[in-house]
PDB file of all heavy atoms in Angstrom:
ATOM      1  N   SER A   1       0.871  -1.214   0.011  1.00  0.00           N
ATOM      2  CA  SER A   1      -0.017   0.046   0.040  1.00  0.00           C
ATOM      3  C   SER A   1       0.933   1.216   0.029  1.00  0.00           C
ATOM      4  O   SER A   1       0.607   2.248  -0.689  1.00  0.00           O
ATOM      5  CB  SER A   1      -0.964  -0.008   1.179  1.00  0.00           C
ATOM      6  OG  SER A   1      -1.622   1.199   1.291  1.00  0.00           O
ATOM      7  N   GLY A   2       1.876   1.189   0.844  1.00  0.00           N
ATOM      8  CA  GLY A   2       2.867   2.420   0.871  1.00  0.00           C
ATOM      9  C   GLY A   2       3.565   2.607  -0.539  1.00  0.00           C
ATOM     10  O   GLY A   2       3.625   3.735  -1.010  1.00  0.00           O
ATOM     11  N   THR A   3       3.935   1.564  -1.136  1.00  0.00           N
ATOM     12  CA  THR A   3       4.626   1.715  -2.352  1.00  0.00           C
ATOM     13  C   THR A   3       3.756   2.199  -3.419  1.00  0.00           C
ATOM     14  O   THR A   3       4.144   3.006  -4.281  1.00  0.00           O
ATOM     15  CB  THR A   3       5.197   0.280  -2.808  1.00  0.00           C
ATOM     16  OG1 THR A   3       6.142  -0.115  -1.803  1.00  0.00           O
ATOM     17  CG2 THR A   3       5.982   0.403  -4.103  1.00  0.00           C
ATOM     18  N   ALA A   4       2.447   1.701  -3.361  1.00  0.00           N
ATOM     19  CA  ALA A   4       1.478   2.346  -4.295  1.00  0.00           C
ATOM     20  C   ALA A   4       1.282   3.776  -4.211  1.00  0.00           C
ATOM     21  O   ALA A   4       1.180   4.528  -5.121  1.00  0.00           O
ATOM     22  CB  ALA A   4       0.165   1.548  -4.148  1.00  0.00           C
ATOM     23  N   PHE A   5       1.304   4.280  -2.921  1.00  0.00           N
ATOM     24  CA  PHE A   5       1.128   5.708  -2.619  1.00  0.00           C
ATOM     25  C   PHE A   5       2.405   6.489  -3.272  1.00  0.00           C
ATOM     26  O   PHE A   5       2.416   7.514  -3.843  1.00  0.00           O
ATOM     27  CB  PHE A   5       1.009   6.061  -1.180  1.00  0.00           C
ATOM     28  CG  PHE A   5      -0.394   6.317  -0.752  1.00  0.00           C
ATOM     29  CD1 PHE A   5      -1.198   5.191  -0.358  1.00  0.00           C
ATOM     30  CD2 PHE A   5      -0.977   7.467  -0.820  1.00  0.00           C
ATOM     31  CE1 PHE A   5      -2.538   5.445   0.049  1.00  0.00           C
ATOM     32  CE2 PHE A   5      -2.304   7.751  -0.421  1.00  0.00           C
ATOM     33  CZ  PHE A   5      -2.997   6.636   0.018  1.00  0.00           C
ATOM     34  N   ILE A   6       3.678   5.954  -2.981  1.00  0.00           N
ATOM     35  CA  ILE A   6       4.942   6.393  -3.465  1.00  0.00           C
ATOM     36  C   ILE A   6       4.920   6.529  -4.973  1.00  0.00           C
ATOM     37  O   ILE A   6       5.230   7.483  -5.555  1.00  0.00           O
ATOM     38  CB  ILE A   6       6.108   5.627  -2.940  1.00  0.00           C
ATOM     39  CG1 ILE A   6       6.122   5.884  -1.414  1.00  0.00           C
ATOM     40  CG2 ILE A   6       7.363   6.123  -3.532  1.00  0.00           C
ATOM     41  CD1 ILE A   6       7.054   4.902  -0.715  1.00  0.00           C
ATOM     42  N   VAL A   7       4.555   5.498  -5.626  1.00  0.00           N
ATOM     43  CA  VAL A   7       4.519   5.458  -7.101  1.00  0.00           C
ATOM     44  C   VAL A   7       3.632   6.553  -7.644  1.00  0.00           C
ATOM     45  O   VAL A   7       3.831   7.277  -8.594  1.00  0.00           O
ATOM     46  CB  VAL A   7       4.268   4.125  -7.624  1.00  0.00           C
ATOM     47  CG1 VAL A   7       4.016   4.094  -9.147  1.00  0.00           C
ATOM     48  CG2 VAL A   7       5.396   3.094  -7.307  1.00  0.00           C
ATOM     49  N   ALA A   8       2.352   6.541  -7.023  1.00  0.00           N
ATOM     50  CA  ALA A   8       1.343   7.406  -7.506  1.00  0.00           C
ATOM     51  C   ALA A   8       1.839   8.929  -7.352  1.00  0.00           C
ATOM     52  O   ALA A   8       1.584   9.827  -8.138  1.00  0.00           O
ATOM     53  CB  ALA A   8       0.043   7.198  -6.811  1.00  0.00           C
ATOM     54  N   ALA A   9       2.487   9.167  -6.177  1.00  0.00           N
ATOM     55  CA  ALA A   9       2.862  10.511  -5.852  1.00  0.00           C
ATOM     56  C   ALA A   9       4.061  10.950  -6.753  1.00  0.00           C
ATOM     57  O   ALA A   9       3.933  12.094  -7.316  1.00  0.00           O
ATOM     58  CB  ALA A   9       3.279  10.606  -4.376  1.00  0.00           C
ATOM     59  N   LYS A  10       4.879  10.060  -7.000  1.00  0.00           N
ATOM     60  CA  LYS A  10       5.956  10.497  -7.741  1.00  0.00           C
ATOM     61  C   LYS A  10       5.558  10.670  -9.247  1.00  0.00           C
ATOM     62  O   LYS A  10       5.947  11.649  -9.839  1.00  0.00           O
ATOM     63  CB  LYS A  10       6.985   9.344  -7.794  1.00  0.00           C
ATOM     64  CG  LYS A  10       8.245   9.598  -8.604  1.00  0.00           C
ATOM     65  CD  LYS A  10       9.263  10.703  -8.081  1.00  0.00           C
ATOM     66  CE  LYS A  10      10.169  11.112  -9.079  1.00  0.00           C
ATOM     67  NZ  LYS A  10      11.117  10.209  -9.444  1.00  0.00           N
ATOM     68  N   ARG A  11       4.651   9.910  -9.620  1.00  0.00           N
ATOM     69  CA  ARG A  11       4.088  10.069 -11.098  1.00  0.00           C
ATOM     70  C   ARG A  11       3.263  11.420 -11.121  1.00  0.00           C
ATOM     71  O   ARG A  11       3.447  12.050 -12.204  1.00  0.00           O
ATOM     72  CB  ARG A  11       3.346   8.940 -11.518  1.00  0.00           C
ATOM     73  CG  ARG A  11       4.221   7.598 -11.707  1.00  0.00           C
ATOM     74  CD  ARG A  11       3.388   6.462 -12.131  1.00  0.00           C
ATOM     75  NE  ARG A  11       2.681   6.636 -13.375  1.00  0.00           N
ATOM     76  CZ  ARG A  11       3.162   6.451 -14.590  1.00  0.00           C
ATOM     77  NH1 ARG A  11       4.397   6.047 -14.681  1.00  0.00           N
ATOM     78  NH2 ARG A  11       2.430   6.676 -15.607  1.00  0.00           N
ATOM     79  N   ALA A  12       2.679  11.737 -10.060  1.00  0.00           N
ATOM     80  CA  ALA A  12       1.936  12.955 -10.174  1.00  0.00           C
ATOM     81  C   ALA A  12       2.786  14.293 -10.085  1.00  0.00           C
ATOM     82  O   ALA A  12       2.620  15.228 -10.681  1.00  0.00           O
ATOM     83  CB  ALA A  12       0.888  13.089  -8.991  1.00  0.00           C
ATOM     84  N   LEU A  13       3.972  14.013  -9.262  1.00  0.00           N
ATOM     85  CA  LEU A  13       4.858  15.212  -9.138  1.00  0.00           C
ATOM     86  C   LEU A  13       5.601  15.412 -10.441  1.00  0.00           C
ATOM     87  O   LEU A  13       6.033  16.493 -10.808  1.00  0.00           O
ATOM     88  CB  LEU A  13       5.782  14.847  -8.064  1.00  0.00           C
ATOM     89  CG  LEU A  13       5.412  15.302  -6.624  1.00  0.00           C
ATOM     90  CD1 LEU A  13       6.402  14.824  -5.617  1.00  0.00           C
ATOM     91  CD2 LEU A  13       5.046  16.739  -6.582  1.00  0.00           C
ATOM     92  N   GLY A  14       6.040  14.331 -11.119  1.00  0.00           N
ATOM     93  CA  GLY A  14       6.824  14.456 -12.328  1.00  0.00           C
ATOM     94  C   GLY A  14       8.166  15.192 -11.992  1.00  0.00           C
ATOM     95  O   GLY A  14       8.947  14.786 -11.139  1.00  0.00           O
ATOM     96  N   ARG A  15       8.428  16.174 -12.796  1.00  0.00           N
ATOM     97  CA  ARG A  15       9.733  16.885 -12.645  1.00  0.00           C
ATOM     98  C   ARG A  15       9.812  17.674 -11.372  1.00  0.00           C
ATOM     99  O   ARG A  15      10.830  18.107 -11.012  1.00  0.00           O
ATOM    100  CB  ARG A  15       9.901  17.749 -13.982  1.00  0.00           C
ATOM    101  CG  ARG A  15      11.330  18.276 -14.026  1.00  0.00           C
ATOM    102  CD  ARG A  15      11.412  19.340 -15.098  1.00  0.00           C
ATOM    103  NE  ARG A  15      12.002  20.487 -14.799  1.00  0.00           N
ATOM    104  CZ  ARG A  15      12.888  20.880 -14.038  1.00  0.00           C
ATOM    105  NH1 ARG A  15      13.481  20.006 -13.209  1.00  0.00           N
ATOM    106  NH2 ARG A  15      13.369  22.145 -13.927  1.00  0.00           N
ATOM    107  N   ALA A  16       8.649  17.880 -10.737  1.00  0.00           N
ATOM    108  CA  ALA A  16       8.678  18.722  -9.490  1.00  0.00           C
ATOM    109  C   ALA A  16       9.275  18.038  -8.322  1.00  0.00           C
ATOM    110  O   ALA A  16       9.588  18.570  -7.303  1.00  0.00           O
ATOM    111  CB  ALA A  16       7.316  19.206  -9.188  1.00  0.00           C
ATOM    112  N   HIS A  17       9.519  16.657  -8.482  1.00  0.00           N
ATOM    113  CA  HIS A  17       9.943  15.993  -7.268  1.00  0.00           C
ATOM    114  C   HIS A  17      11.542  16.186  -7.070  1.00  0.00           C
ATOM    115  O   HIS A  17      12.213  16.260  -8.019  1.00  0.00           O
ATOM    116  CB  HIS A  17       9.756  14.400  -7.557  1.00  0.00           C
ATOM    117  CG  HIS A  17      10.298  13.573  -6.512  1.00  0.00           C
ATOM    118  ND1 HIS A  17      11.559  13.008  -6.494  1.00  0.00           N
ATOM    119  CD2 HIS A  17       9.859  13.219  -5.260  1.00  0.00           C
ATOM    120  CE1 HIS A  17      11.799  12.351  -5.469  1.00  0.00           C
ATOM    121  NE2 HIS A  17      10.749  12.389  -4.575  1.00  0.00           N
ATOM    122  N   THR A  18      11.935  16.420  -5.762  1.00  0.00           N
ATOM    123  CA  THR A  18      13.204  16.510  -5.420  1.00  0.00           C
ATOM    124  C   THR A  18      13.502  15.566  -4.215  1.00  0.00           C
ATOM    125  O   THR A  18      12.559  15.144  -3.568  1.00  0.00           O
ATOM    126  CB  THR A  18      13.643  17.907  -5.071  1.00  0.00           C
ATOM    127  OG1 THR A  18      12.845  18.329  -3.828  1.00  0.00           O
ATOM    128  CG2 THR A  18      13.505  18.859  -6.128  1.00  0.00           C
ATOM    129  N   PHE A  19      14.710  15.283  -3.933  1.00  0.00           N
ATOM    130  CA  PHE A  19      15.128  14.440  -2.836  1.00  0.00           C
ATOM    131  C   PHE A  19      15.155  15.411  -1.666  1.00  0.00           C
ATOM    132  O   PHE A  19      15.327  16.629  -1.710  1.00  0.00           O
ATOM    133  CB  PHE A  19      16.513  13.725  -3.145  1.00  0.00           C
ATOM    134  CG  PHE A  19      16.779  12.730  -2.051  1.00  0.00           C
ATOM    135  CD1 PHE A  19      16.151  11.563  -2.085  1.00  0.00           C
ATOM    136  CD2 PHE A  19      17.700  12.974  -1.030  1.00  0.00           C
ATOM    137  CE1 PHE A  19      16.448  10.681  -1.032  1.00  0.00           C
ATOM    138  CE2 PHE A  19      18.081  12.065  -0.100  1.00  0.00           C
ATOM    139  CZ  PHE A  19      17.382  10.873  -0.156  1.00  0.00           C
ATOM    140  N   THR A  20      15.037  14.784  -0.491  1.00  0.00           N
ATOM    141  CA  THR A  20      15.222  15.484   0.781  1.00  0.00           C
ATOM    142  C   THR A  20      16.401  16.378   0.949  1.00  0.00           C
ATOM    143  O   THR A  20      17.489  15.933   0.521  1.00  0.00           O
ATOM    144  CB  THR A  20      15.182  14.518   1.989  1.00  0.00           C
ATOM    145  OG1 THR A  20      14.066  13.679   1.943  1.00  0.00           O
ATOM    146  CG2 THR A  20      15.242  15.210   3.291  1.00  0.00           C
ATOM    147  N   GLY A  21      16.200  17.608   1.324  1.00  0.00           N
ATOM    148  CA  GLY A  21      17.246  18.555   1.409  1.00  0.00           C
ATOM    149  C   GLY A  21      17.433  19.376   0.210  1.00  0.00           C
ATOM    150  O   GLY A  21      18.336  20.305   0.066  1.00  0.00           O
ATOM    151  N   GLN A  22      16.489  19.292  -0.872  1.00  0.00           N
ATOM    152  CA  GLN A  22      16.501  20.107  -2.037  1.00  0.00           C
ATOM    153  C   GLN A  22      15.303  20.652  -2.254  1.00  0.00           C
ATOM    154  O   GLN A  22      14.242  20.196  -1.792  1.00  0.00           O
ATOM    155  CB  GLN A  22      17.046  19.130  -3.254  1.00  0.00           C
ATOM    156  CG  GLN A  22      18.389  18.635  -3.071  1.00  0.00           C
ATOM    157  CD  GLN A  22      18.608  17.615  -4.175  1.00  0.00           C
ATOM    158  OE1 GLN A  22      17.856  17.482  -5.088  1.00  0.00           O
ATOM    159  NE2 GLN A  22      19.726  16.922  -4.160  1.00  0.00           N
ATOM    160  N   TYR A  23      15.192  21.739  -3.004  1.00  0.00           N
ATOM    161  CA  TYR A  23      13.991  22.372  -3.492  1.00  0.00           C
ATOM    162  C   TYR A  23      14.099  22.897  -4.971  1.00  0.00           C
ATOM    163  O   TYR A  23      15.331  23.120  -5.339  1.00  0.00           O
ATOM    164  CB  TYR A  23      13.460  23.426  -2.549  1.00  0.00           C
ATOM    165  CG  TYR A  23      14.311  24.723  -2.562  1.00  0.00           C
ATOM    166  CD1 TYR A  23      14.107  25.748  -3.260  1.00  0.00           C
ATOM    167  CD2 TYR A  23      15.486  24.677  -1.661  1.00  0.00           C
ATOM    168  CE1 TYR A  23      14.854  26.952  -3.220  1.00  0.00           C
ATOM    169  CE2 TYR A  23      16.273  25.764  -1.654  1.00  0.00           C
ATOM    170  CZ  TYR A  23      15.958  26.930  -2.399  1.00  0.00           C
ATOM    171  OH  TYR A  23      16.794  28.010  -2.437  1.00  0.00           O
ATOM    172  N   MET A  24      13.006  23.097  -5.607  1.00  0.00           N
ATOM    173  CA  MET A  24      13.127  23.753  -6.934  1.00  0.00           C
ATOM    174  C   MET A  24      12.971  25.187  -6.848  1.00  0.00           C
ATOM    175  O   MET A  24      12.118  25.718  -6.116  1.00  0.00           O
ATOM    176  CB  MET A  24      11.985  23.089  -7.822  1.00  0.00           C
ATOM    177  CG  MET A  24      12.008  21.548  -7.985  1.00  0.00           C
ATOM    178  SD  MET A  24      13.495  20.986  -8.809  1.00  0.00           S
ATOM    179  CE  MET A  24      13.181  21.481 -10.477  1.00  0.00           C
ATOM    180  N   LYS A  25      13.714  25.844  -7.799  1.00  0.00           N
ATOM    181  CA  LYS A  25      13.596  27.318  -7.744  1.00  0.00           C
ATOM    182  C   LYS A  25      12.191  27.696  -8.296  1.00  0.00           C
ATOM    183  O   LYS A  25      11.573  28.645  -7.791  1.00  0.00           O
ATOM    184  CB  LYS A  25      14.633  27.890  -8.744  1.00  0.00           C
ATOM    185  CG  LYS A  25      16.067  27.885  -8.189  1.00  0.00           C
ATOM    186  CD  LYS A  25      16.994  28.466  -9.118  1.00  0.00           C
ATOM    187  CE  LYS A  25      18.444  28.432  -8.628  1.00  0.00           C
ATOM    188  NZ  LYS A  25      19.501  28.920  -9.585  1.00  0.00           N
ATOM    189  N   GLN A  26      11.694  27.005  -9.394  1.00  0.00           N
ATOM    190  CA  GLN A  26      10.410  27.216  -9.853  1.00  0.00           C
ATOM    191  C   GLN A  26       9.500  26.215  -9.214  1.00  0.00           C
ATOM    192  O   GLN A  26       9.383  25.164  -9.717  1.00  0.00           O
ATOM    193  CB  GLN A  26      10.376  27.200 -11.396  1.00  0.00           C
ATOM    194  CG  GLN A  26      11.429  28.128 -12.157  1.00  0.00           C
ATOM    195  CD  GLN A  26      10.870  29.576 -12.003  1.00  0.00           C
ATOM    196  OE1 GLN A  26       9.697  29.814 -12.023  1.00  0.00           O
ATOM    197  NE2 GLN A  26      11.814  30.455 -11.898  1.00  0.00           N
ATOM    198  N   THR A  27       8.713  26.698  -8.218  1.00  0.00           N
ATOM    199  CA  THR A  27       7.868  25.810  -7.549  1.00  0.00           C
ATOM    200  C   THR A  27       6.493  25.679  -8.318  1.00  0.00           C
ATOM    201  O   THR A  27       6.130  26.543  -9.127  1.00  0.00           O
ATOM    202  CB  THR A  27       7.559  26.281  -6.133  1.00  0.00           C
ATOM    203  OG1 THR A  27       6.896  27.474  -6.181  1.00  0.00           O
ATOM    204  CG2 THR A  27       8.806  26.246  -5.410  1.00  0.00           C
ATOM    205  N   GLN A  28       5.823  24.527  -8.061  1.00  0.00           N
ATOM    206  CA  GLN A  28       4.566  24.339  -8.735  1.00  0.00           C
ATOM    207  C   GLN A  28       3.773  23.443  -7.726  1.00  0.00           C
ATOM    208  O   GLN A  28       4.145  22.433  -7.273  1.00  0.00           O
ATOM    209  CB  GLN A  28       4.774  23.525  -9.995  1.00  0.00           C
ATOM    210  CG  GLN A  28       3.649  22.910 -10.557  1.00  0.00           C
ATOM    211  CD  GLN A  28       3.986  22.088 -11.835  1.00  0.00           C
ATOM    212  OE1 GLN A  28       5.148  22.076 -12.261  1.00  0.00           O
ATOM    213  NE2 GLN A  28       2.988  21.321 -12.338  1.00  0.00           N
ATOM    214  N   LEU A  29       2.462  23.880  -7.365  1.00  0.00           N
ATOM    215  CA  LEU A  29       1.515  23.146  -6.487  1.00  0.00           C
ATOM    216  C   LEU A  29       0.898  22.056  -7.298  1.00  0.00           C
ATOM    217  O   LEU A  29       0.214  22.348  -8.312  1.00  0.00           O
ATOM    218  CB  LEU A  29       0.563  24.135  -5.911  1.00  0.00           C
ATOM    219  CG  LEU A  29      -0.330  23.492  -4.873  1.00  0.00           C
ATOM    220  CD1 LEU A  29       0.391  22.880  -3.722  1.00  0.00           C
ATOM    221  CD2 LEU A  29      -1.492  24.485  -4.386  1.00  0.00           C
ATOM    222  N   VAL A  30       1.108  20.804  -6.904  1.00  0.00           N
ATOM    223  CA  VAL A  30       0.396  19.702  -7.611  1.00  0.00           C
ATOM    224  C   VAL A  30      -0.805  19.314  -6.759  1.00  0.00           C
ATOM    225  O   VAL A  30      -0.883  19.160  -5.554  1.00  0.00           O
ATOM    226  CB  VAL A  30       1.390  18.504  -7.665  1.00  0.00           C
ATOM    227  CG1 VAL A  30       0.686  17.260  -8.248  1.00  0.00           C
ATOM    228  CG2 VAL A  30       2.639  18.795  -8.318  1.00  0.00           C
ATOM    229  N   THR A  31      -1.966  19.370  -7.457  1.00  0.00           N
ATOM    230  CA  THR A  31      -3.284  19.092  -6.798  1.00  0.00           C
ATOM    231  C   THR A  31      -4.074  17.995  -7.445  1.00  0.00           C
ATOM    232  O   THR A  31      -5.162  17.679  -7.056  1.00  0.00           O
ATOM    233  CB  THR A  31      -4.053  20.340  -6.758  1.00  0.00           C
ATOM    234  OG1 THR A  31      -4.442  20.757  -8.186  1.00  0.00           O
ATOM    235  CG2 THR A  31      -3.539  21.543  -5.932  1.00  0.00           C
ATOM    236  N   HIS A  32      -3.468  17.311  -8.446  1.00  0.00           N
ATOM    237  CA  HIS A  32      -4.214  16.183  -9.116  1.00  0.00           C
ATOM    238  C   HIS A  32      -3.610  14.826  -8.596  1.00  0.00           C
ATOM    239  O   HIS A  32      -2.640  14.784  -7.936  1.00  0.00           O
ATOM    240  CB  HIS A  32      -4.014  16.366 -10.579  1.00  0.00           C
ATOM    241  CG  HIS A  32      -2.629  16.325 -11.045  1.00  0.00           C
ATOM    242  ND1 HIS A  32      -1.679  17.351 -11.119  1.00  0.00           N
ATOM    243  CD2 HIS A  32      -1.848  15.305 -11.617  1.00  0.00           C
ATOM    244  CE1 HIS A  32      -0.576  16.963 -11.518  1.00  0.00           C
ATOM    245  NE2 HIS A  32      -0.606  15.707 -11.873  1.00  0.00           N
ATOM    246  N   GLY A  33      -4.318  13.814  -9.072  1.00  0.00           N
ATOM    247  CA  GLY A  33      -3.910  12.501  -8.729  1.00  0.00           C
ATOM    248  C   GLY A  33      -3.995  12.205  -7.194  1.00  0.00           C
ATOM    249  O   GLY A  33      -4.981  12.691  -6.511  1.00  0.00           O
ATOM    250  N   VAL A  34      -3.026  11.578  -6.586  1.00  0.00           N
ATOM    251  CA  VAL A  34      -3.010  11.265  -5.184  1.00  0.00           C
ATOM    252  C   VAL A  34      -3.027  12.563  -4.266  1.00  0.00           C
ATOM    253  O   VAL A  34      -3.253  12.463  -3.178  1.00  0.00           O
ATOM    254  CB  VAL A  34      -1.940  10.127  -4.794  1.00  0.00           C
ATOM    255  CG1 VAL A  34      -0.614  10.843  -4.932  1.00  0.00           C
ATOM    256  CG2 VAL A  34      -2.254   9.503  -3.572  1.00  0.00           C
ATOM    257  N   TYR A  35      -2.455  13.608  -4.871  1.00  0.00           N
ATOM    258  CA  TYR A  35      -2.394  14.848  -4.148  1.00  0.00           C
ATOM    259  C   TYR A  35      -3.706  15.473  -3.947  1.00  0.00           C
ATOM    260  O   TYR A  35      -3.893  16.412  -3.071  1.00  0.00           O
ATOM    261  CB  TYR A  35      -1.353  15.801  -4.826  1.00  0.00           C
ATOM    262  CG  TYR A  35       0.026  15.460  -4.474  1.00  0.00           C
ATOM    263  CD1 TYR A  35       0.748  14.530  -5.309  1.00  0.00           C
ATOM    264  CD2 TYR A  35       0.708  15.991  -3.526  1.00  0.00           C
ATOM    265  CE1 TYR A  35       2.002  14.271  -5.125  1.00  0.00           C
ATOM    266  CE2 TYR A  35       1.984  15.678  -3.211  1.00  0.00           C
ATOM    267  CZ  TYR A  35       2.661  14.736  -4.066  1.00  0.00           C
ATOM    268  OH  TYR A  35       3.982  14.465  -3.746  1.00  0.00           O
ATOM    269  N   ALA A  36      -4.737  14.996  -4.673  1.00  0.00           N
ATOM    270  CA  ALA A  36      -6.132  15.422  -4.347  1.00  0.00           C
ATOM    271  C   ALA A  36      -6.631  14.835  -3.084  1.00  0.00           C
ATOM    272  O   ALA A  36      -7.728  15.282  -2.470  1.00  0.00           O
ATOM    273  CB  ALA A  36      -7.088  15.177  -5.637  1.00  0.00           C
ATOM    274  N   ILE A  37      -6.041  13.727  -2.707  1.00  0.00           N
ATOM    275  CA  ILE A  37      -6.443  12.950  -1.409  1.00  0.00           C
ATOM    276  C   ILE A  37      -5.668  13.447  -0.202  1.00  0.00           C
ATOM    277  O   ILE A  37      -6.345  13.689   0.798  1.00  0.00           O
ATOM    278  CB  ILE A  37      -6.243  11.377  -1.615  1.00  0.00           C
ATOM    279  CG1 ILE A  37      -7.059  10.913  -2.936  1.00  0.00           C
ATOM    280  CG2 ILE A  37      -6.536  10.736  -0.433  1.00  0.00           C
ATOM    281  CD1 ILE A  37      -6.730   9.567  -3.285  1.00  0.00           C
ATOM    282  N   THR A  38      -4.410  13.626  -0.301  1.00  0.00           N
ATOM    283  CA  THR A  38      -3.554  14.035   0.718  1.00  0.00           C
ATOM    284  C   THR A  38      -2.530  14.872   0.172  1.00  0.00           C
ATOM    285  O   THR A  38      -1.956  14.752  -0.858  1.00  0.00           O
ATOM    286  CB  THR A  38      -2.956  12.791   1.545  1.00  0.00           C
ATOM    287  OG1 THR A  38      -2.158  13.241   2.456  1.00  0.00           O
ATOM    288  CG2 THR A  38      -2.192  11.954   0.561  1.00  0.00           C
ATOM    289  N   ARG A  39      -1.878  15.886   1.016  1.00  0.00           N
ATOM    290  CA  ARG A  39      -0.884  16.739   0.675  1.00  0.00           C
ATOM    291  C   ARG A  39       0.434  16.061   0.739  1.00  0.00           C
ATOM    292  O   ARG A  39       1.418  16.627   0.219  1.00  0.00           O
ATOM    293  CB  ARG A  39      -0.977  18.115   1.513  1.00  0.00           C
ATOM    294  CG  ARG A  39      -2.149  18.967   1.129  1.00  0.00           C
ATOM    295  CD  ARG A  39      -2.247  19.415  -0.253  1.00  0.00           C
ATOM    296  NE  ARG A  39      -1.070  19.818  -0.918  1.00  0.00           N
ATOM    297  CZ  ARG A  39      -0.810  19.624  -2.247  1.00  0.00           C
ATOM    298  NH1 ARG A  39      -1.670  19.024  -3.004  1.00  0.00           N
ATOM    299  NH2 ARG A  39       0.276  20.023  -2.744  1.00  0.00           N
ATOM    300  N   ASN A  40       0.511  14.998   1.456  1.00  0.00           N
ATOM    301  CA  ASN A  40       1.806  14.363   1.749  1.00  0.00           C
ATOM    302  C   ASN A  40       1.814  12.865   1.497  1.00  0.00           C
ATOM    303  O   ASN A  40       2.112  12.057   2.354  1.00  0.00           O
ATOM    304  CB  ASN A  40       2.156  14.661   3.220  1.00  0.00           C
ATOM    305  CG  ASN A  40       2.494  16.060   3.535  1.00  0.00           C
ATOM    306  OD1 ASN A  40       3.239  16.768   2.960  1.00  0.00           O
ATOM    307  ND2 ASN A  40       1.575  16.503   4.408  1.00  0.00           N
TER     308      ASN A  40
END
């Protein structure tokens, strides 16, 4: 179940995904896919 959430979240984030300790200069709020259910 956790892996399914991770895969769905990563696919919804696409290029906006960064690893812990990093952030993107050009931010984008993702509200579709699994992000419509939970913000995290």
